[in-house]
Amino acid sequence: MTNPITTARSQLPHHRLIAYQVAVELLIAVKAAKIRDTHSRDQAHRAAKSACLNTAEGAGRVSRGDRARLRSDSSRC
């Protein structure tokens, strides 16, 4: 079975980003981890989902101001 994220037919620009692909792998790993503690499971799932969504949103930013803001936000990590 082929991975729809890595196929050349991907329709959205963030599907080609390595960072997005890694974020999706993280989300899959968190779901497969079978975390028993409900609070920890919810927190891990929300964080992994957020990584996917933030990467996709960042890929859609095209203006000079948006890119400068994203760079300054990422430097805080």
PDB file of N, CA and C in Angstrom:
ATOM      1  N   MET A   1       0.841  -1.175   0.000  1.00  0.00           N
ATOM      2  CA  MET A   1       0.000   0.000   0.000  1.00  0.00           C
ATOM      3  C   MET A   1       0.889   1.243   0.000  1.00  0.00           C
ATOM      4  N   THR A   2       0.568   2.203  -0.827  1.00  0.00           N
ATOM      5  CA  THR A   2       1.386   3.416  -0.901  1.00  0.00           C
ATOM      6  C   THR A   2       0.925   4.423   0.129  1.00  0.00           C
ATOM      7  N   ASN A   3       1.854   5.245   0.565  1.00  0.00           N
ATOM      8  CA  ASN A   3       1.560   6.289   1.533  1.00  0.00           C
ATOM      9  C   ASN A   3       1.002   7.490   0.780  1.00  0.00           C
ATOM     10  N   PRO A   4      -0.247   7.910   1.054  1.00  0.00           N
ATOM     11  CA  PRO A   4      -0.839   9.012   0.301  1.00  0.00           C
ATOM     12  C   PRO A   4      -0.119  10.332   0.526  1.00  0.00           C
ATOM     13  N   ILE A   5       0.623  10.439   1.605  1.00  0.00           N
ATOM     14  CA  ILE A   5       1.324  11.687   1.900  1.00  0.00           C
ATOM     15  C   ILE A   5       2.524  11.862   0.977  1.00  0.00           C
ATOM     16  N   THR A   6       3.181  10.765   0.610  1.00  0.00           N
ATOM     17  CA  THR A   6       4.412  10.866  -0.162  1.00  0.00           C
ATOM     18  C   THR A   6       4.207  10.658  -1.664  1.00  0.00           C
ATOM     19  N   THR A   7       2.990  10.433  -2.096  1.00  0.00           N
ATOM     20  CA  THR A   7       2.769  10.236  -3.526  1.00  0.00           C
ATOM     21  C   THR A   7       2.872  11.563  -4.262  1.00  0.00           C
ATOM     22  N   ALA A   8       3.220  11.492  -5.530  1.00  0.00           N
ATOM     23  CA  ALA A   8       3.382  12.696  -6.348  1.00  0.00           C
ATOM     24  C   ALA A   8       2.041  13.366  -6.616  1.00  0.00           C
ATOM     25  N   ARG A   9       0.964  12.671  -6.367  1.00  0.00           N
ATOM     26  CA  ARG A   9      -0.365  13.211  -6.650  1.00  0.00           C
ATOM     27  C   ARG A   9      -0.930  14.038  -5.508  1.00  0.00           C
ATOM     28  N   SER A  10      -0.168  14.290  -4.466  1.00  0.00           N
ATOM     29  CA  SER A  10      -0.661  15.083  -3.346  1.00  0.00           C
ATOM     30  C   SER A  10      -1.142  16.437  -3.847  1.00  0.00           C
ATOM     31  N   GLN A  11      -2.281  16.844  -3.360  1.00  0.00           N
ATOM     32  CA  GLN A  11      -2.884  18.061  -3.860  1.00  0.00           C
ATOM     33  C   GLN A  11      -2.465  19.297  -3.082  1.00  0.00           C
ATOM     34  N   LEU A  12      -2.136  19.169  -1.832  1.00  0.00           N
ATOM     35  CA  LEU A  12      -1.838  20.330  -1.014  1.00  0.00           C
ATOM     36  C   LEU A  12      -0.335  20.468  -0.791  1.00  0.00           C
ATOM     37  N   PRO A  13       0.167  21.706  -0.723  1.00  0.00           N
ATOM     38  CA  PRO A  13       1.620  21.910  -0.643  1.00  0.00           C
ATOM     39  C   PRO A  13       2.266  21.329   0.609  1.00  0.00           C
ATOM     40  N   HIS A  14       1.556  21.318   1.732  1.00  0.00           N
ATOM     41  CA  HIS A  14       2.176  20.812   2.962  1.00  0.00           C
ATOM     42  C   HIS A  14       2.401  19.305   2.932  1.00  0.00           C
ATOM     43  N   HIS A  15       1.736  18.596   2.053  1.00  0.00           N
ATOM     44  CA  HIS A  15       1.937  17.147   1.951  1.00  0.00           C
ATOM     45  C   HIS A  15       3.349  16.797   1.485  1.00  0.00           C
ATOM     46  N   ARG A  16       4.015  17.716   0.817  1.00  0.00           N
ATOM     47  CA  ARG A  16       5.372  17.456   0.330  1.00  0.00           C
ATOM     48  C   ARG A  16       6.444  17.791   1.368  1.00  0.00           C
ATOM     49  N   LEU A  17       6.081  18.429   2.453  1.00  0.00           N
ATOM     50  CA  LEU A  17       7.057  18.817   3.467  1.00  0.00           C
ATOM     51  C   LEU A  17       7.462  17.627   4.338  1.00  0.00           C
ATOM     52  N   ILE A  18       8.749  17.481   4.547  1.00  0.00           N
ATOM     53  CA  ILE A  18       9.250  16.414   5.412  1.00  0.00           C
ATOM     54  C   ILE A  18       8.739  16.626   6.835  1.00  0.00           C
ATOM     55  N   ALA A  19       8.690  17.874   7.278  1.00  0.00           N
ATOM     56  CA  ALA A  19       8.217  18.170   8.635  1.00  0.00           C
ATOM     57  C   ALA A  19       6.769  17.712   8.827  1.00  0.00           C
ATOM     58  N   TYR A  20       5.942  17.889   7.818  1.00  0.00           N
ATOM     59  CA  TYR A  20       4.554  17.441   7.911  1.00  0.00           C
ATOM     60  C   TYR A  20       4.479  15.916   7.960  1.00  0.00           C
ATOM     61  N   GLN A  21       5.278  15.261   7.143  1.00  0.00           N
ATOM     62  CA  GLN A  21       5.286  13.805   7.131  1.00  0.00           C
ATOM     63  C   GLN A  21       5.720  13.245   8.483  1.00  0.00           C
ATOM     64  N   VAL A  22       6.722  13.875   9.107  1.00  0.00           N
ATOM     65  CA  VAL A  22       7.187  13.449  10.426  1.00  0.00           C
ATOM     66  C   VAL A  22       6.095  13.702  11.465  1.00  0.00           C
ATOM     67  N   ALA A  23       5.397  14.830  11.363  1.00  0.00           N
ATOM     68  CA  ALA A  23       4.314  15.137  12.299  1.00  0.00           C
ATOM     69  C   ALA A  23       3.192  14.111  12.195  1.00  0.00           C
ATOM     70  N   VAL A  24       2.880  13.682  10.983  1.00  0.00           N
ATOM     71  CA  VAL A  24       1.850  12.656  10.792  1.00  0.00           C
ATOM     72  C   VAL A  24       2.319  11.319  11.395  1.00  0.00           C
ATOM     73  N   GLU A  25       3.603  11.001  11.214  1.00  0.00           N
ATOM     74  CA  GLU A  25       4.145   9.777  11.815  1.00  0.00           C
ATOM     75  C   GLU A  25       4.063   9.847  13.339  1.00  0.00           C
ATOM     76  N   LEU A  26       4.315  11.033  13.905  1.00  0.00           N
ATOM     77  CA  LEU A  26       4.189  11.219  15.348  1.00  0.00           C
ATOM     78  C   LEU A  26       2.758  10.981  15.795  1.00  0.00           C
ATOM     79  N   LEU A  27       1.804  11.524  15.079  1.00  0.00           N
ATOM     80  CA  LEU A  27       0.396  11.333  15.416  1.00  0.00           C
ATOM     81  C   LEU A  27       0.017   9.852  15.374  1.00  0.00           C
ATOM     82  N   ILE A  28       0.482   9.151  14.372  1.00  0.00           N
ATOM     83  CA  ILE A  28       0.205   7.712  14.261  1.00  0.00           C
ATOM     84  C   ILE A  28       0.849   6.960  15.427  1.00  0.00           C
ATOM     85  N   ALA A  29       2.076   7.343  15.779  1.00  0.00           N
ATOM     86  CA  ALA A  29       2.777   6.684  16.890  1.00  0.00           C
ATOM     87  C   ALA A  29       2.078   6.935  18.220  1.00  0.00           C
ATOM     88  N   VAL A  30       1.587   8.142  18.420  1.00  0.00           N
ATOM     89  CA  VAL A  30       0.877   8.462  19.667  1.00  0.00           C
ATOM     90  C   VAL A  30      -0.400   7.637  19.762  1.00  0.00           C
ATOM     91  N   LYS A  31      -1.121   7.532  18.652  1.00  0.00           N
ATOM     92  CA  LYS A  31      -2.344   6.721  18.661  1.00  0.00           C
ATOM     93  C   LYS A  31      -2.031   5.251  18.928  1.00  0.00           C
ATOM     94  N   ALA A  32      -0.923   4.763  18.379  1.00  0.00           N
ATOM     95  CA  ALA A  32      -0.554   3.350  18.542  1.00  0.00           C
ATOM     96  C   ALA A  32       0.049   3.061  19.911  1.00  0.00           C
ATOM     97  N   ALA A  33       0.438   4.094  20.653  1.00  0.00           N
ATOM     98  CA  ALA A  33       1.112   3.898  21.941  1.00  0.00           C
ATOM     99  C   ALA A  33       0.195   3.335  23.015  1.00  0.00           C
ATOM    100  N   LYS A  34      -1.086   3.446  22.849  1.00  0.00           N
ATOM    101  CA  LYS A  34      -2.060   2.931  23.816  1.00  0.00           C
ATOM    102  C   LYS A  34      -1.765   3.445  25.225  1.00  0.00           C
ATOM    103  N   ILE A  35      -1.664   4.766  25.356  1.00  0.00           N
ATOM    104  CA  ILE A  35      -1.391   5.393  26.649  1.00  0.00           C
ATOM    105  C   ILE A  35      -2.594   5.182  27.551  1.00  0.00           C
ATOM    106  N   ARG A  36      -2.358   4.635  28.723  1.00  0.00           N
ATOM    107  CA  ARG A  36      -3.461   4.280  29.617  1.00  0.00           C
ATOM    108  C   ARG A  36      -4.022   5.479  30.371  1.00  0.00           C
ATOM    109  N   ASP A  37      -3.160   6.349  30.828  1.00  0.00           N
ATOM    110  CA  ASP A  37      -3.621   7.513  31.582  1.00  0.00           C
ATOM    111  C   ASP A  37      -4.389   8.440  30.642  1.00  0.00           C
ATOM    112  N   THR A  38      -5.643   8.723  30.972  1.00  0.00           N
ATOM    113  CA  THR A  38      -6.489   9.490  30.055  1.00  0.00           C
ATOM    114  C   THR A  38      -5.982  10.910  29.839  1.00  0.00           C
ATOM    115  N   HIS A  39      -5.502  11.540  30.896  1.00  0.00           N
ATOM    116  CA  HIS A  39      -4.999  12.910  30.758  1.00  0.00           C
ATOM    117  C   HIS A  39      -3.751  12.943  29.873  1.00  0.00           C
ATOM    118  N   SER A  40      -2.830  12.039  30.120  1.00  0.00           N
ATOM    119  CA  SER A  40      -1.598  11.983  29.319  1.00  0.00           C
ATOM    120  C   SER A  40      -1.900  11.627  27.869  1.00  0.00           C
ATOM    121  N   ARG A  41      -2.829  10.694  27.666  1.00  0.00           N
ATOM    122  CA  ARG A  41      -3.206  10.300  26.309  1.00  0.00           C
ATOM    123  C   ARG A  41      -3.818  11.474  25.554  1.00  0.00           C
ATOM    124  N   ASP A  42      -4.723  12.206  26.213  1.00  0.00           N
ATOM    125  CA  ASP A  42      -5.364  13.356  25.584  1.00  0.00           C
ATOM    126  C   ASP A  42      -4.339  14.437  25.262  1.00  0.00           C
ATOM    127  N   GLN A  43      -3.447  14.713  26.203  1.00  0.00           N
ATOM    128  CA  GLN A  43      -2.429  15.741  25.992  1.00  0.00           C
ATOM    129  C   GLN A  43      -1.491  15.360  24.838  1.00  0.00           C
ATOM    130  N   ALA A  44      -1.050  14.105  24.801  1.00  0.00           N
ATOM    131  CA  ALA A  44      -0.149  13.651  23.727  1.00  0.00           C
ATOM    132  C   ALA A  44      -0.851  13.715  22.373  1.00  0.00           C
ATOM    133  N   HIS A  45      -2.111  13.310  22.339  1.00  0.00           N
ATOM    134  CA  HIS A  45      -2.862  13.325  21.089  1.00  0.00           C
ATOM    135  C   HIS A  45      -3.062  14.756  20.600  1.00  0.00           C
ATOM    136  N   ARG A  46      -3.418  15.667  21.498  1.00  0.00           N
ATOM    137  CA  ARG A  46      -3.614  17.056  21.095  1.00  0.00           C
ATOM    138  C   ARG A  46      -2.309  17.696  20.622  1.00  0.00           C
ATOM    139  N   ALA A  47      -1.194  17.375  21.276  1.00  0.00           N
ATOM    140  CA  ALA A  47       0.103  17.950  20.873  1.00  0.00           C
ATOM    141  C   ALA A  47       0.515  17.444  19.494  1.00  0.00           C
ATOM    142  N   ALA A  48       0.341  16.151  19.250  1.00  0.00           N
ATOM    143  CA  ALA A  48       0.709  15.589  17.948  1.00  0.00           C
ATOM    144  C   ALA A  48      -0.186  16.139  16.834  1.00  0.00           C
ATOM    145  N   LYS A  49      -1.465  16.267  17.128  1.00  0.00           N
ATOM    146  CA  LYS A  49      -2.401  16.820  16.151  1.00  0.00           C
ATOM    147  C   LYS A  49      -2.057  18.285  15.862  1.00  0.00           C
ATOM    148  N   SER A  50      -1.679  19.015  16.897  1.00  0.00           N
ATOM    149  CA  SER A  50      -1.296  20.414  16.742  1.00  0.00           C
ATOM    150  C   SER A  50      -0.063  20.557  15.852  1.00  0.00           C
ATOM    151  N   ALA A  51       0.885  19.642  15.985  1.00  0.00           N
ATOM    152  CA  ALA A  51       2.085  19.682  15.142  1.00  0.00           C
ATOM    153  C   ALA A  51       1.710  19.542  13.669  1.00  0.00           C
ATOM    154  N   CYS A  52       0.784  18.651  13.374  1.00  0.00           N
ATOM    155  CA  CYS A  52       0.321  18.476  11.986  1.00  0.00           C
ATOM    156  C   CYS A  52      -0.364  19.745  11.475  1.00  0.00           C
ATOM    157  N   LEU A  53      -1.271  20.269  12.276  1.00  0.00           N
ATOM    158  CA  LEU A  53      -2.034  21.436  11.853  1.00  0.00           C
ATOM    159  C   LEU A  53      -1.160  22.684  11.714  1.00  0.00           C
ATOM    160  N   ASN A  54      -0.234  22.880  12.643  1.00  0.00           N
ATOM    161  CA  ASN A  54       0.644  24.051  12.571  1.00  0.00           C
ATOM    162  C   ASN A  54       1.579  23.990  11.367  1.00  0.00           C
ATOM    163  N   THR A  55       2.060  22.802  11.046  1.00  0.00           N
ATOM    164  CA  THR A  55       2.929  22.642   9.879  1.00  0.00           C
ATOM    165  C   THR A  55       2.152  22.942   8.600  1.00  0.00           C
ATOM    166  N   ALA A  56       0.938  22.431   8.522  1.00  0.00           N
ATOM    167  CA  ALA A  56       0.108  22.686   7.346  1.00  0.00           C
ATOM    168  C   ALA A  56      -0.209  24.171   7.217  1.00  0.00           C
ATOM    169  N   GLU A  57      -0.516  24.822   8.334  1.00  0.00           N
ATOM    170  CA  GLU A  57      -0.823  26.245   8.299  1.00  0.00           C
ATOM    171  C   GLU A  57       0.402  27.053   7.870  1.00  0.00           C
ATOM    172  N   GLY A  58       1.554  26.695   8.394  1.00  0.00           N
ATOM    173  CA  GLY A  58       2.778  27.408   8.045  1.00  0.00           C
ATOM    174  C   GLY A  58       3.134  27.273   6.577  1.00  0.00           C
ATOM    175  N   ALA A  59       2.812  26.140   5.987  1.00  0.00           N
ATOM    176  CA  ALA A  59       3.104  25.924   4.566  1.00  0.00           C
ATOM    177  C   ALA A  59       2.257  26.834   3.688  1.00  0.00           C
ATOM    178  N   GLY A  60       1.118  27.257   4.188  1.00  0.00           N
ATOM    179  CA  GLY A  60       0.238  28.119   3.416  1.00  0.00           C
ATOM    180  C   GLY A  60       0.583  29.589   3.518  1.00  0.00           C
ATOM    181  N   ARG A  61       1.515  29.921   4.390  1.00  0.00           N
ATOM    182  CA  ARG A  61       1.902  31.329   4.566  1.00  0.00           C
ATOM    183  C   ARG A  61       2.875  31.725   3.471  1.00  0.00           C
ATOM    184  N   VAL A  62       2.524  32.744   2.713  1.00  0.00           N
ATOM    185  CA  VAL A  62       3.364  33.108   1.581  1.00  0.00           C
ATOM    186  C   VAL A  62       3.882  34.542   1.625  1.00  0.00           C
ATOM    187  N   SER A  63       3.275  35.386   2.433  1.00  0.00           N
ATOM    188  CA  SER A  63       3.739  36.776   2.435  1.00  0.00           C
ATOM    189  C   SER A  63       5.022  36.915   3.250  1.00  0.00           C
ATOM    190  N   ARG A  64       5.762  37.946   2.986  1.00  0.00           N
ATOM    191  CA  ARG A  64       7.035  38.195   3.672  1.00  0.00           C
ATOM    192  C   ARG A  64       6.809  38.367   5.174  1.00  0.00           C
ATOM    193  N   GLY A  65       5.766  39.077   5.563  1.00  0.00           N
ATOM    194  CA  GLY A  65       5.458  39.282   6.975  1.00  0.00           C
ATOM    195  C   GLY A  65       5.117  37.992   7.692  1.00  0.00           C
ATOM    196  N   ASP A  66       4.331  37.144   7.039  1.00  0.00           N
ATOM    197  CA  ASP A  66       3.970  35.856   7.628  1.00  0.00           C
ATOM    198  C   ASP A  66       5.205  34.995   7.873  1.00  0.00           C
ATOM    199  N   ARG A  67       6.077  34.932   6.884  1.00  0.00           N
ATOM    200  CA  ARG A  67       7.287  34.112   7.025  1.00  0.00           C
ATOM    201  C   ARG A  67       8.195  34.651   8.128  1.00  0.00           C
ATOM    202  N   ALA A  68       8.304  35.979   8.236  1.00  0.00           N
ATOM    203  CA  ALA A  68       9.134  36.568   9.295  1.00  0.00           C
ATOM    204  C   ALA A  68       8.558  36.239  10.662  1.00  0.00           C
ATOM    205  N   ARG A  69       7.231  36.277  10.795  1.00  0.00           N
ATOM    206  CA  ARG A  69       6.584  35.956  12.062  1.00  0.00           C
ATOM    207  C   ARG A  69       6.793  34.489  12.424  1.00  0.00           C
ATOM    208  N   LEU A  70       6.680  33.608  11.443  1.00  0.00           N
ATOM    209  CA  LEU A  70       6.868  32.189  11.697  1.00  0.00           C
ATOM    210  C   LEU A  70       8.303  31.895  12.124  1.00  0.00           C
ATOM    211  N   ARG A  71       9.274  32.572  11.490  1.00  0.00           N
ATOM    212  CA  ARG A  71      10.673  32.368  11.883  1.00  0.00           C
ATOM    213  C   ARG A  71      10.908  32.834  13.303  1.00  0.00           C
ATOM    214  N   SER A  72      10.323  33.973  13.680  1.00  0.00           N
ATOM    215  CA  SER A  72      10.520  34.467  15.043  1.00  0.00           C
ATOM    216  C   SER A  72       9.835  33.560  16.040  1.00  0.00           C
ATOM    217  N   ASP A  73       8.662  33.016  15.691  1.00  0.00           N
ATOM    218  CA  ASP A  73       7.967  32.082  16.585  1.00  0.00           C
ATOM    219  C   ASP A  73       8.759  30.797  16.767  1.00  0.00           C
ATOM    220  N   SER A  74       9.354  30.292  15.695  1.00  0.00           N
ATOM    221  CA  SER A  74      10.097  29.027  15.774  1.00  0.00           C
ATOM    222  C   SER A  74      11.407  29.189  16.532  1.00  0.00           C
ATOM    223  N   SER A  75      11.957  30.402  16.572  1.00  0.00           N
ATOM    224  CA  SER A  75      13.214  30.596  17.276  1.00  0.00           C
ATOM    225  C   SER A  75      13.026  30.556  18.781  1.00  0.00           C
ATOM    226  N   ARG A  76      11.786  30.645  19.257  1.00  0.00           N
ATOM    227  CA  ARG A  76      11.514  30.585  20.698  1.00  0.00           C
ATOM    228  C   ARG A  76      11.607  29.171  21.252  1.00  0.00           C
ATOM    229  N   CYS A  77      11.542  28.186  20.394  1.00  0.00           N
ATOM    230  CA  CYS A  77      11.537  26.778  20.850  1.00  0.00           C
ATOM    231  C   CYS A  77      12.890  26.321  21.329  1.00  0.00           C
TER     232      CYS A  77
END
